Amino acid sequence: MKFLCLAYEEESTLNALSDSEWRALRQETLDWVESLRDSGCLIDARPLKSARTAAMVRVRSGALSVTDGPFAETKEQLGGFFLIEVADRQEAIRLAATWPSARLGAIEVRPIEEELPL
């Protein structure tokens, strides 16, 4: 089964890390990604740029609305994702719990629909 794991982090928490703490977290994350890649269950993993660079796009009654910057009224913003293929939900949750940033934020684990339902 494929799962998209969405990493939510509070940008101010990451920005408050010392340079050495940031480098250690980054290296731990790179090592984690490499170990998942080596295991064969990682399909892709990517960080996202700051939520301040985001745009929220909506079309209502044919009218386009674009809101710049973080839209959600929450401290945690989507910071990245990893797409995995594992046996089941329990394994996906187990892997998500080992993502280094899970200690600082939250990981949403969601199964992928293989095709658009009718």
N, C-alpha and C. Protein backbone atom coordinates (compact mmCIF):
# COMPACT_ATOMS: atom_id res chain seq x y z
N MET A 1 0.84 -1.18 0.00
CA MET A 1 0.00 0.00 0.00
C MET A 1 0.88 1.24 0.00
N LYS A 2 0.41 2.26 -0.69
CA LYS A 2 1.14 3.53 -0.72
C LYS A 2 0.49 4.50 0.27
N PHE A 3 1.36 5.25 0.94
CA PHE A 3 0.92 6.25 1.91
C PHE A 3 1.67 7.55 1.67
N LEU A 4 0.94 8.65 1.71
CA LEU A 4 1.56 9.97 1.68
C LEU A 4 1.64 10.44 3.13
N CYS A 5 2.82 10.77 3.56
CA CYS A 5 3.03 11.25 4.91
C CYS A 5 3.38 12.73 4.83
N LEU A 6 2.55 13.54 5.45
CA LEU A 6 2.70 14.99 5.40
C LEU A 6 3.30 15.47 6.72
N ALA A 7 4.41 16.16 6.64
CA ALA A 7 5.13 16.62 7.82
C ALA A 7 4.73 18.06 8.14
N TYR A 8 4.10 18.24 9.28
CA TYR A 8 3.69 19.56 9.75
C TYR A 8 4.65 20.01 10.83
N GLU A 9 5.16 21.22 10.69
CA GLU A 9 6.13 21.76 11.63
C GLU A 9 5.81 23.22 11.91
N GLU A 10 6.19 23.65 13.07
CA GLU A 10 6.06 25.06 13.41
C GLU A 10 7.35 25.74 12.97
N GLU A 11 7.26 26.61 11.97
CA GLU A 11 8.45 27.24 11.40
C GLU A 11 9.27 27.98 12.45
N SER A 12 8.61 28.61 13.39
CA SER A 12 9.35 29.34 14.43
C SER A 12 10.17 28.39 15.31
N THR A 13 9.68 27.17 15.51
CA THR A 13 10.44 26.17 16.29
C THR A 13 11.71 25.79 15.55
N LEU A 14 11.59 25.57 14.25
CA LEU A 14 12.78 25.24 13.46
C LEU A 14 13.75 26.42 13.41
N ASN A 15 13.22 27.62 13.26
CA ASN A 15 14.07 28.82 13.20
C ASN A 15 14.77 29.08 14.53
N ALA A 16 14.21 28.59 15.63
CA ALA A 16 14.80 28.82 16.95
C ALA A 16 15.95 27.85 17.25
N LEU A 17 16.12 26.82 16.43
CA LEU A 17 17.21 25.88 16.65
C LEU A 17 18.55 26.57 16.45
N SER A 18 19.52 26.21 17.25
CA SER A 18 20.86 26.74 17.04
C SER A 18 21.41 26.15 15.73
N ASP A 19 22.47 26.74 15.24
CA ASP A 19 23.07 26.24 13.99
C ASP A 19 23.47 24.78 14.13
N SER A 20 24.06 24.41 15.25
CA SER A 20 24.48 23.02 15.43
C SER A 20 23.28 22.09 15.57
N GLU A 21 22.21 22.53 16.24
CA GLU A 21 21.00 21.72 16.35
C GLU A 21 20.37 21.52 14.97
N TRP A 22 20.33 22.60 14.17
CA TRP A 22 19.77 22.51 12.82
C TRP A 22 20.57 21.55 11.95
N ARG A 23 21.89 21.66 11.99
CA ARG A 23 22.75 20.77 11.19
C ARG A 23 22.58 19.31 11.62
N ALA A 24 22.45 19.07 12.92
CA ALA A 24 22.27 17.71 13.43
C ALA A 24 20.92 17.14 12.97
N LEU A 25 19.86 17.96 13.06
CA LEU A 25 18.53 17.51 12.61
C LEU A 25 18.54 17.25 11.11
N ARG A 26 19.17 18.13 10.35
CA ARG A 26 19.25 17.96 8.89
C ARG A 26 19.99 16.68 8.54
N GLN A 27 21.12 16.42 9.19
CA GLN A 27 21.88 15.21 8.90
C GLN A 27 21.10 13.95 9.29
N GLU A 28 20.44 14.02 10.44
CA GLU A 28 19.61 12.89 10.87
C GLU A 28 18.51 12.61 9.85
N THR A 29 17.91 13.67 9.32
CA THR A 29 16.85 13.52 8.32
C THR A 29 17.41 12.94 7.03
N LEU A 30 18.55 13.45 6.58
CA LEU A 30 19.16 12.92 5.35
C LEU A 30 19.51 11.45 5.52
N ASP A 31 20.03 11.07 6.68
CA ASP A 31 20.36 9.66 6.95
C ASP A 31 19.10 8.81 6.97
N TRP A 32 18.03 9.34 7.56
CA TRP A 32 16.74 8.62 7.63
C TRP A 32 16.21 8.38 6.23
N VAL A 33 16.22 9.43 5.40
CA VAL A 33 15.74 9.30 4.01
C VAL A 33 16.56 8.25 3.27
N GLU A 34 17.87 8.29 3.43
CA GLU A 34 18.74 7.33 2.74
C GLU A 34 18.45 5.90 3.20
N SER A 35 18.22 5.70 4.50
CA SER A 35 17.93 4.35 4.98
C SER A 35 16.60 3.84 4.45
N LEU A 36 15.60 4.72 4.34
CA LEU A 36 14.32 4.31 3.76
C LEU A 36 14.48 4.01 2.27
N ARG A 37 15.26 4.83 1.60
CA ARG A 37 15.52 4.60 0.17
C ARG A 37 16.20 3.24 -0.01
N ASP A 38 17.19 2.95 0.82
CA ASP A 38 17.91 1.67 0.74
C ASP A 38 16.98 0.48 1.02
N SER A 39 15.98 0.67 1.88
CA SER A 39 15.06 -0.41 2.22
C SER A 39 14.07 -0.69 1.09
N GLY A 40 13.95 0.25 0.15
CA GLY A 40 13.05 0.07 -0.99
C GLY A 40 11.63 0.55 -0.77
N CYS A 41 11.32 1.06 0.42
CA CYS A 41 9.93 1.50 0.65
C CYS A 41 9.71 2.99 0.37
N LEU A 42 10.77 3.76 0.21
CA LEU A 42 10.62 5.19 -0.07
C LEU A 42 10.46 5.43 -1.56
N ILE A 43 9.37 6.08 -1.94
CA ILE A 43 9.14 6.45 -3.34
C ILE A 43 9.70 7.84 -3.59
N ASP A 44 9.42 8.78 -2.68
CA ASP A 44 9.92 10.15 -2.81
C ASP A 44 9.81 10.86 -1.48
N ALA A 45 10.65 11.84 -1.26
CA ALA A 45 10.58 12.69 -0.07
C ALA A 45 11.09 14.06 -0.47
N ARG A 46 10.36 15.10 -0.10
CA ARG A 46 10.75 16.46 -0.47
C ARG A 46 10.38 17.45 0.63
N PRO A 47 11.26 18.39 0.89
CA PRO A 47 10.89 19.51 1.77
C PRO A 47 10.15 20.55 0.94
N LEU A 48 9.38 21.37 1.61
CA LEU A 48 8.70 22.48 0.95
C LEU A 48 9.34 23.79 1.42
N LYS A 49 9.28 24.79 0.56
CA LYS A 49 9.74 26.12 0.96
C LYS A 49 8.78 26.66 2.02
N SER A 50 9.17 27.72 2.66
CA SER A 50 8.38 28.33 3.73
C SER A 50 6.93 28.55 3.31
N ALA A 51 6.02 28.39 4.26
CA ALA A 51 4.60 28.64 4.00
C ALA A 51 4.37 30.10 3.58
N ARG A 52 5.31 30.97 3.91
CA ARG A 52 5.18 32.38 3.50
C ARG A 52 5.24 32.53 1.98
N THR A 53 5.77 31.51 1.28
CA THR A 53 5.87 31.57 -0.18
C THR A 53 4.66 30.94 -0.87
N ALA A 54 3.71 30.44 -0.08
CA ALA A 54 2.57 29.71 -0.62
C ALA A 54 1.50 30.64 -1.20
N ALA A 55 0.66 30.08 -2.03
CA ALA A 55 -0.53 30.76 -2.53
C ALA A 55 -1.69 29.77 -2.44
N MET A 56 -2.81 30.21 -1.89
CA MET A 56 -4.02 29.41 -1.80
C MET A 56 -4.92 29.85 -2.95
N VAL A 57 -5.27 28.89 -3.84
CA VAL A 57 -6.06 29.19 -5.04
C VAL A 57 -7.45 28.59 -4.89
N ARG A 58 -8.47 29.41 -5.18
CA ARG A 58 -9.86 28.95 -5.16
C ARG A 58 -10.56 29.53 -6.39
N VAL A 59 -11.51 28.77 -6.90
CA VAL A 59 -12.39 29.27 -7.96
C VAL A 59 -13.82 29.05 -7.48
N ARG A 60 -14.56 30.12 -7.34
CA ARG A 60 -15.96 30.06 -6.90
C ARG A 60 -16.81 30.83 -7.90
N SER A 61 -17.81 30.17 -8.44
CA SER A 61 -18.70 30.78 -9.43
C SER A 61 -17.89 31.39 -10.56
N GLY A 62 -16.83 30.71 -10.96
CA GLY A 62 -16.01 31.16 -12.07
C GLY A 62 -15.00 32.25 -11.73
N ALA A 63 -15.00 32.72 -10.47
CA ALA A 63 -14.08 33.80 -10.08
C ALA A 63 -12.87 33.22 -9.35
N LEU A 64 -11.69 33.65 -9.76
CA LEU A 64 -10.44 33.22 -9.16
C LEU A 64 -10.13 34.06 -7.93
N SER A 65 -9.74 33.38 -6.86
CA SER A 65 -9.30 34.04 -5.63
C SER A 65 -7.95 33.45 -5.26
N VAL A 66 -6.96 34.32 -5.02
CA VAL A 66 -5.62 33.88 -4.63
C VAL A 66 -5.27 34.59 -3.32
N THR A 67 -4.92 33.81 -2.31
CA THR A 67 -4.48 34.34 -1.03
C THR A 67 -3.01 33.98 -0.86
N ASP A 68 -2.16 34.96 -0.66
CA ASP A 68 -0.72 34.71 -0.49
C ASP A 68 -0.39 34.38 0.95
N GLY A 69 0.67 33.62 1.10
CA GLY A 69 1.19 33.31 2.43
C GLY A 69 0.41 32.20 3.10
N PRO A 70 0.78 31.91 4.34
CA PRO A 70 0.09 30.82 5.05
C PRO A 70 -1.37 31.19 5.26
N PHE A 71 -2.24 30.31 4.86
CA PHE A 71 -3.67 30.60 4.96
C PHE A 71 -4.25 30.07 6.26
N ALA A 72 -3.83 28.89 6.65
CA ALA A 72 -4.44 28.25 7.82
C ALA A 72 -4.13 29.04 9.09
N GLU A 73 -5.10 29.09 9.96
CA GLU A 73 -4.93 29.75 11.26
C GLU A 73 -4.37 28.72 12.24
N THR A 74 -3.15 28.30 12.00
CA THR A 74 -2.50 27.31 12.84
C THR A 74 -1.02 27.62 12.93
N LYS A 75 -0.39 27.17 13.97
CA LYS A 75 1.05 27.40 14.12
C LYS A 75 1.84 26.44 13.24
N GLU A 76 1.36 25.19 13.13
CA GLU A 76 2.07 24.20 12.32
C GLU A 76 1.66 24.33 10.86
N GLN A 77 2.66 24.34 9.99
CA GLN A 77 2.43 24.44 8.56
C GLN A 77 3.01 23.21 7.89
N LEU A 78 2.51 22.89 6.71
CA LEU A 78 3.05 21.78 5.94
C LEU A 78 4.48 22.10 5.54
N GLY A 79 5.42 21.26 5.95
CA GLY A 79 6.83 21.53 5.70
C GLY A 79 7.46 20.59 4.69
N GLY A 80 6.79 19.49 4.40
CA GLY A 80 7.33 18.53 3.45
C GLY A 80 6.50 17.27 3.43
N PHE A 81 6.95 16.31 2.62
CA PHE A 81 6.22 15.06 2.52
C PHE A 81 7.17 13.93 2.22
N PHE A 82 6.71 12.72 2.50
CA PHE A 82 7.38 11.54 2.00
C PHE A 82 6.32 10.53 1.58
N LEU A 83 6.56 9.91 0.45
CA LEU A 83 5.65 8.93 -0.13
C LEU A 83 6.31 7.57 0.03
N ILE A 84 5.60 6.66 0.67
CA ILE A 84 6.17 5.34 0.95
C ILE A 84 5.24 4.24 0.45
N GLU A 85 5.81 3.07 0.25
CA GLU A 85 5.02 1.89 -0.07
C GLU A 85 5.40 0.81 0.93
N VAL A 86 4.43 0.44 1.74
CA VAL A 86 4.64 -0.53 2.81
C VAL A 86 3.47 -1.51 2.86
N ALA A 87 3.56 -2.50 3.72
CA ALA A 87 2.54 -3.56 3.78
C ALA A 87 1.18 -3.05 4.25
N ASP A 88 1.17 -2.16 5.25
CA ASP A 88 -0.12 -1.76 5.82
C ASP A 88 0.00 -0.45 6.59
N ARG A 89 -1.13 -0.01 7.13
CA ARG A 89 -1.21 1.25 7.86
C ARG A 89 -0.30 1.25 9.09
N GLN A 90 -0.24 0.12 9.80
CA GLN A 90 0.59 0.04 11.00
C GLN A 90 2.06 0.29 10.67
N GLU A 91 2.52 -0.28 9.56
CA GLU A 91 3.92 -0.06 9.17
C GLU A 91 4.14 1.39 8.76
N ALA A 92 3.16 1.98 8.08
CA ALA A 92 3.28 3.39 7.68
C ALA A 92 3.38 4.28 8.92
N ILE A 93 2.57 4.00 9.91
CA ILE A 93 2.59 4.79 11.15
C ILE A 93 3.93 4.58 11.87
N ARG A 94 4.40 3.34 11.91
CA ARG A 94 5.68 3.05 12.56
C ARG A 94 6.81 3.84 11.90
N LEU A 95 6.83 3.88 10.55
CA LEU A 95 7.85 4.63 9.84
C LEU A 95 7.71 6.13 10.08
N ALA A 96 6.47 6.62 10.05
CA ALA A 96 6.24 8.06 10.27
C ALA A 96 6.75 8.49 11.64
N ALA A 97 6.63 7.61 12.61
CA ALA A 97 7.08 7.94 13.97
C ALA A 97 8.59 8.06 14.06
N THR A 98 9.31 7.51 13.08
CA THR A 98 10.77 7.59 13.10
C THR A 98 11.30 8.80 12.33
N TRP A 99 10.43 9.52 11.63
CA TRP A 99 10.84 10.75 10.92
C TRP A 99 11.37 11.72 11.96
N PRO A 100 12.60 12.21 11.83
CA PRO A 100 13.19 13.06 12.87
C PRO A 100 12.34 14.26 13.29
N SER A 101 11.69 14.91 12.35
CA SER A 101 10.90 16.09 12.69
C SER A 101 9.60 15.76 13.42
N ALA A 102 9.25 14.48 13.51
CA ALA A 102 8.05 14.12 14.27
C ALA A 102 8.19 14.54 15.73
N ARG A 103 9.44 14.68 16.20
CA ARG A 103 9.67 15.14 17.57
C ARG A 103 9.34 16.62 17.75
N LEU A 104 9.28 17.35 16.65
CA LEU A 104 9.03 18.80 16.70
C LEU A 104 7.64 19.18 16.20
N GLY A 105 7.01 18.31 15.44
CA GLY A 105 5.73 18.64 14.83
C GLY A 105 4.82 17.43 14.80
N ALA A 106 4.18 17.21 13.67
CA ALA A 106 3.24 16.10 13.51
C ALA A 106 3.36 15.56 12.10
N ILE A 107 3.08 14.26 11.94
CA ILE A 107 3.10 13.62 10.64
C ILE A 107 1.70 13.07 10.38
N GLU A 108 1.07 13.51 9.32
CA GLU A 108 -0.22 12.97 8.90
C GLU A 108 0.07 11.82 7.94
N VAL A 109 -0.49 10.66 8.22
CA VAL A 109 -0.28 9.46 7.39
C VAL A 109 -1.60 9.17 6.69
N ARG A 110 -1.57 9.21 5.35
CA ARG A 110 -2.81 9.03 4.60
C ARG A 110 -2.61 8.06 3.45
N PRO A 111 -3.48 7.03 3.36
CA PRO A 111 -3.35 6.08 2.25
C PRO A 111 -3.67 6.75 0.91
N ILE A 112 -3.00 6.28 -0.12
CA ILE A 112 -3.21 6.79 -1.48
C ILE A 112 -4.30 5.99 -2.16
N GLU A 113 -5.22 6.65 -2.81
CA GLU A 113 -6.19 5.99 -3.68
C GLU A 113 -5.46 5.65 -4.98
N GLU A 114 -5.49 4.42 -5.39
CA GLU A 114 -4.79 4.02 -6.60
C GLU A 114 -5.41 4.61 -7.86
N GLU A 115 -6.69 4.90 -7.80
CA GLU A 115 -7.36 5.59 -8.92
C GLU A 115 -8.53 6.37 -8.38
N LEU A 116 -8.99 7.32 -9.16
CA LEU A 116 -10.12 8.15 -8.74
C LEU A 116 -11.38 7.30 -8.69
N PRO A 117 -12.04 7.24 -7.52
CA PRO A 117 -13.27 6.42 -7.42
C PRO A 117 -14.36 6.96 -8.32
N LEU A 118 -15.18 6.05 -8.79
CA LEU A 118 -16.32 6.45 -9.65
C LEU A 118 -17.46 6.99 -8.84
